[in-house]
Amino acid sequence: MTFRTLPLLLLAVMAAVVGAAFAAEVNYPLDAPGPDGRRPGGTLTQSMPAPPIANDENKDLKRERNYPDQPPTIPHSIRGYQIDKNGNKCLSCHSRANSARTQATMISITHYMDRDGQALAAVSPRRYFCNQCHVPQKEVLPLVGNSFETIDKILQDDANAAQKP
């Protein structure tokens, strides 16, 4: 054995001993339930089938936005829509040229501006891929509770509290 391999051998032996010591101290059952509670009936060692993909919400109703400049959600299914460098199905209804004919909401004028704020004749390349910001909703129950309140509600509650004697 050469002098160069001796430190590597000693390091490997020490790592094995320390690793075994740590492994012996772990007292966590391998068949424990999933730690996040999102795997009902399953344990960490079991492979459970994935839940079915939820249906898209398809109500065509505008949702209230919760904060300024929040991108609106997509109120309809976009399954099968082509949105790539070769085409954008969203623009067939929502572009400036087509929105009057289709009665769809026209995309914001900011989508027709470059990064310097200059107006463009067509949608800006940085705004072309709609689903970077805009997402369809699914018909599902929330995984966790939500106590979010809009700023309008908070301000209204403060104003009402100030009026009470």
N, C-alpha and C. Protein backbone atom coordinates (compact mmCIF):
# COMPACT_ATOMS: atom_id res chain seq x y z
N MET A 1 0.85 -1.17 0.00
CA MET A 1 0.00 0.00 0.00
C MET A 1 0.89 1.24 0.00
N THR A 2 0.59 2.15 -0.85
CA THR A 2 1.42 3.35 -0.94
C THR A 2 0.96 4.38 0.08
N PHE A 3 1.81 5.32 0.33
CA PHE A 3 1.52 6.36 1.30
C PHE A 3 0.34 7.24 0.86
N ARG A 4 0.12 7.34 -0.46
CA ARG A 4 -0.97 8.17 -0.97
C ARG A 4 -2.34 7.54 -0.72
N THR A 5 -2.45 6.23 -0.76
CA THR A 5 -3.76 5.58 -0.59
C THR A 5 -4.14 5.40 0.87
N LEU A 6 -3.20 5.45 1.78
CA LEU A 6 -3.49 5.25 3.20
C LEU A 6 -4.49 6.29 3.74
N PRO A 7 -4.31 7.59 3.49
CA PRO A 7 -5.29 8.55 4.00
C PRO A 7 -6.69 8.33 3.42
N LEU A 8 -6.76 7.95 2.16
CA LEU A 8 -8.07 7.68 1.56
C LEU A 8 -8.74 6.48 2.20
N LEU A 9 -7.97 5.45 2.48
CA LEU A 9 -8.49 4.25 3.12
C LEU A 9 -8.99 4.58 4.53
N LEU A 10 -8.20 5.34 5.28
CA LEU A 10 -8.61 5.72 6.63
C LEU A 10 -9.88 6.59 6.59
N LEU A 11 -9.96 7.49 5.65
CA LEU A 11 -11.14 8.33 5.51
C LEU A 11 -12.38 7.50 5.19
N ALA A 12 -12.25 6.53 4.32
CA ALA A 12 -13.37 5.66 3.97
C ALA A 12 -13.83 4.85 5.17
N VAL A 13 -12.91 4.32 5.95
CA VAL A 13 -13.26 3.54 7.14
C VAL A 13 -13.96 4.43 8.16
N MET A 14 -13.45 5.63 8.37
CA MET A 14 -14.07 6.54 9.33
C MET A 14 -15.48 6.93 8.89
N ALA A 15 -15.68 7.17 7.60
CA ALA A 15 -17.00 7.52 7.09
C ALA A 15 -17.98 6.36 7.30
N ALA A 16 -17.52 5.14 7.09
CA ALA A 16 -18.38 3.98 7.28
C ALA A 16 -18.76 3.83 8.75
N VAL A 17 -17.82 4.02 9.65
CA VAL A 17 -18.09 3.88 11.08
C VAL A 17 -19.06 4.97 11.54
N VAL A 18 -18.81 6.21 11.15
CA VAL A 18 -19.68 7.32 11.55
C VAL A 18 -21.07 7.13 10.94
N GLY A 19 -21.15 6.74 9.69
CA GLY A 19 -22.44 6.51 9.05
C GLY A 19 -23.22 5.41 9.72
N ALA A 20 -22.57 4.35 10.13
CA ALA A 20 -23.24 3.26 10.83
C ALA A 20 -23.75 3.72 12.18
N ALA A 21 -22.97 4.55 12.86
CA ALA A 21 -23.39 5.06 14.16
C ALA A 21 -24.63 5.94 14.03
N PHE A 22 -24.67 6.80 13.02
CA PHE A 22 -25.84 7.65 12.81
C PHE A 22 -27.04 6.81 12.41
N ALA A 23 -26.85 5.82 11.57
CA ALA A 23 -27.95 4.97 11.12
C ALA A 23 -28.52 4.19 12.29
N ALA A 24 -27.69 3.78 13.24
CA ALA A 24 -28.18 3.03 14.39
C ALA A 24 -29.02 3.92 15.31
N GLU A 25 -28.74 5.22 15.35
CA GLU A 25 -29.48 6.13 16.23
C GLU A 25 -30.84 6.52 15.66
N VAL A 26 -31.05 6.42 14.37
CA VAL A 26 -32.32 6.82 13.77
C VAL A 26 -33.39 5.84 14.22
N ASN A 27 -34.45 6.38 14.80
CA ASN A 27 -35.54 5.55 15.27
C ASN A 27 -36.82 5.98 14.57
N TYR A 28 -36.80 5.95 13.26
CA TYR A 28 -37.94 6.40 12.46
C TYR A 28 -38.44 5.21 11.67
N PRO A 29 -39.69 4.79 11.88
CA PRO A 29 -40.18 3.61 11.14
C PRO A 29 -40.29 3.89 9.65
N LEU A 30 -39.86 2.94 8.87
CA LEU A 30 -39.87 3.13 7.42
C LEU A 30 -41.27 3.06 6.82
N ASP A 31 -42.24 2.56 7.60
CA ASP A 31 -43.59 2.48 7.08
C ASP A 31 -44.50 3.55 7.69
N ALA A 32 -43.89 4.67 8.10
CA ALA A 32 -44.66 5.77 8.67
C ALA A 32 -45.52 6.44 7.60
N PRO A 33 -46.64 7.05 8.00
CA PRO A 33 -47.45 7.77 7.00
C PRO A 33 -46.68 8.94 6.42
N GLY A 34 -47.08 9.35 5.22
CA GLY A 34 -46.44 10.50 4.58
C GLY A 34 -46.47 11.70 5.51
N PRO A 35 -45.37 12.42 5.63
CA PRO A 35 -45.30 13.51 6.62
C PRO A 35 -46.21 14.69 6.35
N ASP A 36 -46.66 14.86 5.12
CA ASP A 36 -47.47 16.04 4.83
C ASP A 36 -48.97 15.74 4.87
N GLY A 37 -49.35 14.49 5.08
CA GLY A 37 -50.76 14.16 5.13
C GLY A 37 -51.46 14.20 3.79
N ARG A 38 -50.74 14.34 2.72
CA ARG A 38 -51.35 14.44 1.39
C ARG A 38 -51.36 13.11 0.67
N ARG A 39 -50.96 12.06 1.37
CA ARG A 39 -50.96 10.72 0.77
C ARG A 39 -51.88 9.82 1.59
N PRO A 40 -53.17 10.04 1.57
CA PRO A 40 -54.06 9.25 2.41
C PRO A 40 -53.94 7.76 2.08
N GLY A 41 -53.81 6.97 3.14
CA GLY A 41 -53.73 5.52 2.99
C GLY A 41 -52.36 5.02 2.61
N GLY A 42 -51.42 5.87 2.33
CA GLY A 42 -50.10 5.43 1.91
C GLY A 42 -49.06 5.67 2.98
N THR A 43 -47.96 4.98 2.85
CA THR A 43 -46.83 5.20 3.73
C THR A 43 -45.64 5.57 2.88
N LEU A 44 -44.54 5.92 3.56
CA LEU A 44 -43.36 6.36 2.82
C LEU A 44 -42.77 5.27 1.94
N THR A 45 -42.94 4.02 2.32
CA THR A 45 -42.34 2.94 1.54
C THR A 45 -43.28 2.39 0.47
N GLN A 46 -44.54 2.78 0.46
CA GLN A 46 -45.48 2.28 -0.53
C GLN A 46 -45.55 3.21 -1.73
N SER A 47 -45.74 2.63 -2.88
CA SER A 47 -46.02 3.41 -4.08
C SER A 47 -47.51 3.34 -4.33
N MET A 48 -48.16 4.48 -4.16
CA MET A 48 -49.60 4.55 -4.37
C MET A 48 -49.88 5.12 -5.76
N PRO A 49 -51.00 4.76 -6.37
CA PRO A 49 -51.33 5.35 -7.67
C PRO A 49 -51.60 6.84 -7.50
N ALA A 50 -51.28 7.61 -8.51
CA ALA A 50 -51.52 9.05 -8.47
C ALA A 50 -53.02 9.31 -8.50
N PRO A 51 -53.48 10.35 -7.83
CA PRO A 51 -54.91 10.67 -7.90
C PRO A 51 -55.28 11.11 -9.31
N PRO A 52 -56.53 10.98 -9.68
CA PRO A 52 -56.93 11.41 -11.03
C PRO A 52 -56.74 12.91 -11.19
N ILE A 53 -56.43 13.33 -12.40
CA ILE A 53 -56.28 14.75 -12.69
C ILE A 53 -57.65 15.42 -12.63
N ALA A 54 -57.73 16.50 -11.89
CA ALA A 54 -59.01 17.19 -11.71
C ALA A 54 -59.43 17.88 -13.00
N ASN A 55 -60.73 18.08 -13.12
CA ASN A 55 -61.28 18.79 -14.29
C ASN A 55 -60.96 20.27 -14.21
N ASP A 56 -60.79 20.89 -15.37
CA ASP A 56 -60.63 22.33 -15.41
C ASP A 56 -61.96 22.99 -15.09
N GLU A 57 -61.89 24.08 -14.33
CA GLU A 57 -63.08 24.90 -14.12
C GLU A 57 -63.38 25.57 -15.45
N ASN A 58 -64.61 25.54 -15.87
CA ASN A 58 -64.96 26.05 -17.20
C ASN A 58 -66.20 26.93 -17.11
N LYS A 59 -66.13 27.98 -16.26
CA LYS A 59 -67.30 28.81 -16.00
C LYS A 59 -67.33 30.08 -16.83
N ASP A 60 -66.23 30.44 -17.46
CA ASP A 60 -66.14 31.68 -18.23
C ASP A 60 -66.60 32.90 -17.45
N LEU A 61 -66.27 32.93 -16.15
CA LEU A 61 -66.58 34.08 -15.31
C LEU A 61 -65.27 34.71 -14.85
N LYS A 62 -65.21 36.03 -14.88
CA LYS A 62 -64.02 36.71 -14.40
C LYS A 62 -63.96 36.60 -12.88
N ARG A 63 -62.79 36.30 -12.37
CA ARG A 63 -62.60 36.23 -10.92
C ARG A 63 -62.06 37.55 -10.39
N GLU A 64 -62.39 37.82 -9.13
CA GLU A 64 -61.84 39.00 -8.47
C GLU A 64 -60.34 38.78 -8.29
N ARG A 65 -59.57 39.84 -8.46
CA ARG A 65 -58.13 39.75 -8.23
C ARG A 65 -57.83 40.16 -6.80
N ASN A 66 -56.83 39.54 -6.21
CA ASN A 66 -56.54 39.74 -4.80
C ASN A 66 -55.51 40.81 -4.52
N TYR A 67 -54.77 41.23 -5.51
CA TYR A 67 -53.75 42.27 -5.30
C TYR A 67 -53.51 42.99 -6.62
N PRO A 68 -53.00 44.23 -6.55
CA PRO A 68 -52.76 44.99 -7.77
C PRO A 68 -51.78 44.25 -8.70
N ASP A 69 -52.02 44.35 -9.96
CA ASP A 69 -51.18 43.74 -11.00
C ASP A 69 -51.18 42.21 -10.98
N GLN A 70 -52.13 41.59 -10.26
CA GLN A 70 -52.24 40.14 -10.31
C GLN A 70 -52.70 39.73 -11.70
N PRO A 71 -52.03 38.80 -12.34
CA PRO A 71 -52.52 38.35 -13.64
C PRO A 71 -53.87 37.64 -13.47
N PRO A 72 -54.83 37.93 -14.33
CA PRO A 72 -56.11 37.23 -14.18
C PRO A 72 -55.95 35.74 -14.47
N THR A 73 -56.76 34.94 -13.78
CA THR A 73 -56.74 33.51 -14.05
C THR A 73 -57.54 33.24 -15.32
N ILE A 74 -57.32 32.09 -15.91
CA ILE A 74 -58.01 31.71 -17.14
C ILE A 74 -59.32 31.03 -16.75
N PRO A 75 -60.47 31.58 -17.11
CA PRO A 75 -61.75 31.03 -16.64
C PRO A 75 -62.32 29.91 -17.51
N HIS A 76 -61.48 29.29 -18.31
CA HIS A 76 -61.95 28.20 -19.17
C HIS A 76 -60.83 27.21 -19.38
N SER A 77 -61.17 26.06 -19.91
CA SER A 77 -60.17 25.03 -20.17
C SER A 77 -59.26 25.44 -21.33
N ILE A 78 -57.98 25.14 -21.21
CA ILE A 78 -57.05 25.38 -22.32
C ILE A 78 -56.42 24.06 -22.78
N ARG A 79 -57.05 22.97 -22.41
CA ARG A 79 -56.55 21.66 -22.83
C ARG A 79 -56.52 21.59 -24.35
N GLY A 80 -55.39 21.22 -24.89
CA GLY A 80 -55.24 21.11 -26.33
C GLY A 80 -54.82 22.40 -27.02
N TYR A 81 -54.69 23.48 -26.27
CA TYR A 81 -54.25 24.75 -26.87
C TYR A 81 -52.77 24.67 -27.20
N GLN A 82 -52.43 25.13 -28.37
CA GLN A 82 -51.02 25.24 -28.73
C GLN A 82 -50.53 26.61 -28.29
N ILE A 83 -49.53 26.61 -27.40
CA ILE A 83 -48.90 27.85 -26.95
C ILE A 83 -47.40 27.57 -26.97
N ASP A 84 -46.80 27.80 -28.12
CA ASP A 84 -45.36 27.56 -28.25
C ASP A 84 -44.80 28.55 -29.28
N LYS A 85 -43.55 28.38 -29.65
CA LYS A 85 -42.93 29.35 -30.56
C LYS A 85 -43.58 29.36 -31.94
N ASN A 86 -44.34 28.31 -32.27
CA ASN A 86 -44.96 28.24 -33.59
C ASN A 86 -46.39 28.79 -33.63
N GLY A 87 -46.99 28.96 -32.48
CA GLY A 87 -48.36 29.45 -32.48
C GLY A 87 -48.87 29.68 -31.07
N ASN A 88 -49.91 30.52 -30.95
CA ASN A 88 -50.52 30.82 -29.67
C ASN A 88 -52.02 30.87 -29.87
N LYS A 89 -52.70 29.80 -29.47
CA LYS A 89 -54.15 29.68 -29.63
C LYS A 89 -54.90 30.77 -28.88
N CYS A 90 -54.34 31.26 -27.77
CA CYS A 90 -55.02 32.31 -26.99
C CYS A 90 -55.27 33.56 -27.82
N LEU A 91 -54.31 33.88 -28.68
CA LEU A 91 -54.41 35.10 -29.48
C LEU A 91 -55.51 35.03 -30.53
N SER A 92 -56.00 33.83 -30.84
CA SER A 92 -57.09 33.73 -31.83
C SER A 92 -58.37 34.35 -31.29
N CYS A 93 -58.49 34.51 -29.98
CA CYS A 93 -59.65 35.18 -29.40
C CYS A 93 -59.29 36.48 -28.67
N HIS A 94 -58.16 36.50 -27.98
CA HIS A 94 -57.85 37.59 -27.08
C HIS A 94 -56.95 38.68 -27.66
N SER A 95 -56.51 38.55 -28.89
CA SER A 95 -55.65 39.59 -29.48
C SER A 95 -56.47 40.85 -29.75
N ARG A 96 -55.78 41.93 -29.95
CA ARG A 96 -56.44 43.21 -30.23
C ARG A 96 -57.31 43.08 -31.48
N ALA A 97 -56.83 42.38 -32.48
CA ALA A 97 -57.56 42.26 -33.75
C ALA A 97 -58.81 41.38 -33.63
N ASN A 98 -58.82 40.39 -32.72
CA ASN A 98 -59.91 39.41 -32.67
C ASN A 98 -60.87 39.58 -31.51
N SER A 99 -60.54 40.36 -30.52
CA SER A 99 -61.37 40.40 -29.31
C SER A 99 -62.76 40.97 -29.57
N ALA A 100 -62.90 41.94 -30.46
CA ALA A 100 -64.23 42.49 -30.75
C ALA A 100 -65.12 41.44 -31.41
N ARG A 101 -64.55 40.67 -32.32
CA ARG A 101 -65.33 39.64 -33.03
C ARG A 101 -65.73 38.50 -32.10
N THR A 102 -64.83 38.09 -31.19
CA THR A 102 -65.08 36.93 -30.33
C THR A 102 -65.72 37.30 -29.00
N GLN A 103 -65.75 38.60 -28.67
CA GLN A 103 -66.25 39.09 -27.39
C GLN A 103 -65.43 38.58 -26.21
N ALA A 104 -64.20 38.18 -26.46
CA ALA A 104 -63.27 37.77 -25.40
C ALA A 104 -62.56 39.01 -24.87
N THR A 105 -62.11 38.95 -23.65
CA THR A 105 -61.37 40.07 -23.08
C THR A 105 -60.08 40.27 -23.85
N MET A 106 -59.82 41.52 -24.27
CA MET A 106 -58.58 41.79 -24.98
C MET A 106 -57.41 41.76 -23.99
N ILE A 107 -56.29 41.22 -24.43
CA ILE A 107 -55.12 41.21 -23.55
C ILE A 107 -54.68 42.64 -23.29
N SER A 108 -54.05 42.83 -22.16
CA SER A 108 -53.66 44.16 -21.72
C SER A 108 -52.74 44.84 -22.74
N ILE A 109 -52.86 46.16 -22.81
CA ILE A 109 -52.01 46.95 -23.71
C ILE A 109 -50.54 46.80 -23.34
N THR A 110 -50.28 46.46 -22.08
CA THR A 110 -48.88 46.26 -21.66
C THR A 110 -48.24 45.08 -22.37
N HIS A 111 -49.05 44.17 -22.88
CA HIS A 111 -48.52 43.02 -23.62
C HIS A 111 -48.02 43.43 -25.01
N TYR A 112 -48.36 44.64 -25.42
CA TYR A 112 -47.93 45.17 -26.71
C TYR A 112 -46.80 46.20 -26.54
N MET A 113 -46.06 46.10 -25.44
CA MET A 113 -44.95 47.03 -25.20
C MET A 113 -43.66 46.25 -24.99
N ASP A 114 -42.57 46.85 -25.43
CA ASP A 114 -41.27 46.21 -25.17
C ASP A 114 -40.81 46.58 -23.76
N ARG A 115 -39.64 46.11 -23.39
CA ARG A 115 -39.15 46.34 -22.02
C ARG A 115 -38.87 47.80 -21.72
N ASP A 116 -38.77 48.64 -22.77
CA ASP A 116 -38.54 50.07 -22.57
C ASP A 116 -39.85 50.87 -22.60
N GLY A 117 -41.00 50.18 -22.71
CA GLY A 117 -42.28 50.86 -22.72
C GLY A 117 -42.70 51.36 -24.08
N GLN A 118 -41.99 50.99 -25.14
CA GLN A 118 -42.33 51.41 -26.49
C GLN A 118 -43.44 50.51 -27.05
N ALA A 119 -44.42 51.13 -27.70
CA ALA A 119 -45.54 50.37 -28.26
C ALA A 119 -45.08 49.51 -29.44
N LEU A 120 -45.65 48.32 -29.53
CA LEU A 120 -45.35 47.39 -30.61
C LEU A 120 -46.62 47.08 -31.39
N ALA A 121 -46.47 46.66 -32.62
CA ALA A 121 -47.63 46.31 -33.44
C ALA A 121 -48.19 44.95 -33.07
N ALA A 122 -47.34 44.06 -32.55
CA ALA A 122 -47.76 42.71 -32.18
C ALA A 122 -47.41 42.47 -30.71
N VAL A 123 -47.86 41.36 -30.19
CA VAL A 123 -47.57 41.01 -28.79
C VAL A 123 -46.07 40.90 -28.60
N SER A 124 -45.61 41.45 -27.51
CA SER A 124 -44.19 41.41 -27.17
C SER A 124 -43.74 39.97 -26.98
N PRO A 125 -42.56 39.61 -27.46
CA PRO A 125 -42.07 38.24 -27.26
C PRO A 125 -41.99 37.83 -25.79
N ARG A 126 -41.75 38.79 -24.89
CA ARG A 126 -41.68 38.42 -23.49
C ARG A 126 -43.05 38.19 -22.87
N ARG A 127 -44.11 38.52 -23.59
CA ARG A 127 -45.48 38.30 -23.10
C ARG A 127 -46.23 37.27 -23.94
N TYR A 128 -45.54 36.60 -24.84
CA TYR A 128 -46.18 35.72 -25.82
C TYR A 128 -46.69 34.42 -25.20
N PHE A 129 -45.99 33.91 -24.20
CA PHE A 129 -46.35 32.62 -23.60
C PHE A 129 -47.27 32.87 -22.41
N CYS A 130 -48.56 32.89 -22.67
CA CYS A 130 -49.56 33.33 -21.70
C CYS A 130 -49.50 32.56 -20.38
N ASN A 131 -49.28 31.23 -20.46
CA ASN A 131 -49.35 30.44 -19.24
C ASN A 131 -48.09 30.53 -18.38
N GLN A 132 -47.23 31.50 -18.67
CA GLN A 132 -46.17 31.82 -17.71
C GLN A 132 -46.77 32.54 -16.52
N CYS A 133 -47.82 33.33 -16.75
CA CYS A 133 -48.45 34.12 -15.68
C CYS A 133 -49.90 33.75 -15.45
N HIS A 134 -50.62 33.42 -16.50
CA HIS A 134 -52.05 33.14 -16.41
C HIS A 134 -52.26 31.62 -16.35
N VAL A 135 -53.10 31.18 -15.40
CA VAL A 135 -53.30 29.74 -15.21
C VAL A 135 -54.78 29.42 -15.12
N PRO A 136 -55.18 28.27 -15.67
CA PRO A 136 -56.57 27.84 -15.47
C PRO A 136 -56.74 27.30 -14.05
N GLN A 137 -57.97 27.27 -13.58
CA GLN A 137 -58.27 26.76 -12.24
C GLN A 137 -58.84 25.36 -12.36
N LYS A 138 -58.67 24.58 -11.31
CA LYS A 138 -59.20 23.21 -11.27
C LYS A 138 -60.35 23.14 -10.27
N GLU A 139 -61.24 22.18 -10.47
CA GLU A 139 -62.35 21.96 -9.55
C GLU A 139 -61.88 21.02 -8.45
N VAL A 140 -61.21 21.59 -7.46
CA VAL A 140 -60.67 20.81 -6.34
C VAL A 140 -60.88 21.56 -5.04
N LEU A 141 -60.84 20.83 -3.94
CA LEU A 141 -60.87 21.45 -2.63
C LEU A 141 -59.44 21.85 -2.27
N PRO A 142 -59.26 22.94 -1.54
CA PRO A 142 -57.90 23.35 -1.17
C PRO A 142 -57.24 22.32 -0.27
N LEU A 143 -55.93 22.14 -0.43
CA LEU A 143 -55.18 21.21 0.42
C LEU A 143 -54.98 21.76 1.82
N VAL A 144 -54.90 23.06 1.93
CA VAL A 144 -54.71 23.71 3.23
C VAL A 144 -55.71 24.85 3.36
N GLY A 145 -55.98 25.24 4.60
CA GLY A 145 -56.89 26.35 4.84
C GLY A 145 -56.30 27.66 4.36
N ASN A 146 -57.16 28.64 4.13
CA ASN A 146 -56.70 29.93 3.64
C ASN A 146 -57.50 31.03 4.31
N SER A 147 -56.82 31.92 4.99
CA SER A 147 -57.50 33.03 5.64
C SER A 147 -57.14 34.36 5.00
N PHE A 148 -56.75 34.33 3.73
CA PHE A 148 -56.35 35.54 3.01
C PHE A 148 -57.52 36.51 2.95
N GLU A 149 -57.22 37.80 3.19
CA GLU A 149 -58.21 38.86 3.04
C GLU A 149 -57.65 39.91 2.11
N THR A 150 -58.48 40.41 1.22
CA THR A 150 -58.02 41.44 0.29
C THR A 150 -57.77 42.73 1.05
N ILE A 151 -56.97 43.59 0.48
CA ILE A 151 -56.67 44.88 1.11
C ILE A 151 -57.94 45.70 1.26
N ASP A 152 -58.87 45.57 0.32
CA ASP A 152 -60.13 46.31 0.41
C ASP A 152 -60.92 45.90 1.65
N LYS A 153 -60.95 44.60 1.94
CA LYS A 153 -61.66 44.12 3.13
C LYS A 153 -60.98 44.59 4.40
N ILE A 154 -59.68 44.55 4.44
CA ILE A 154 -58.94 45.00 5.63
C ILE A 154 -59.20 46.49 5.88
N LEU A 155 -59.13 47.30 4.82
CA LEU A 155 -59.38 48.74 4.97
C LEU A 155 -60.82 49.01 5.40
N GLN A 156 -61.76 48.26 4.85
CA GLN A 156 -63.16 48.42 5.22
C GLN A 156 -63.38 48.04 6.68
N ASP A 157 -62.78 46.94 7.12
CA ASP A 157 -62.90 46.54 8.53
C ASP A 157 -62.31 47.60 9.46
N ASP A 158 -61.17 48.18 9.08
CA ASP A 158 -60.56 49.25 9.88
C ASP A 158 -61.45 50.47 9.95
N ALA A 159 -62.05 50.83 8.81
CA ALA A 159 -62.94 51.99 8.78
C ALA A 159 -64.18 51.76 9.64
N ASN A 160 -64.74 50.54 9.57
CA ASN A 160 -65.91 50.21 10.39
C ASN A 160 -65.56 50.22 11.87
N ALA A 161 -64.39 49.71 12.22
CA ALA A 161 -63.97 49.69 13.62
C ALA A 161 -63.75 51.10 14.16
N ALA A 162 -63.26 52.01 13.33
CA ALA A 162 -63.02 53.39 13.75
C ALA A 162 -64.33 54.14 13.95
N GLN A 163 -65.41 53.78 13.24
CA GLN A 163 -66.68 54.45 13.36
C GLN A 163 -67.45 54.04 14.60
N LYS A 164 -67.17 52.86 15.14
CA LYS A 164 -67.88 52.38 16.32
C LYS A 164 -67.39 53.16 17.55
N PRO A 165 -68.34 53.58 18.42
CA PRO A 165 -67.94 54.36 19.60
C PRO A 165 -67.26 53.52 20.67
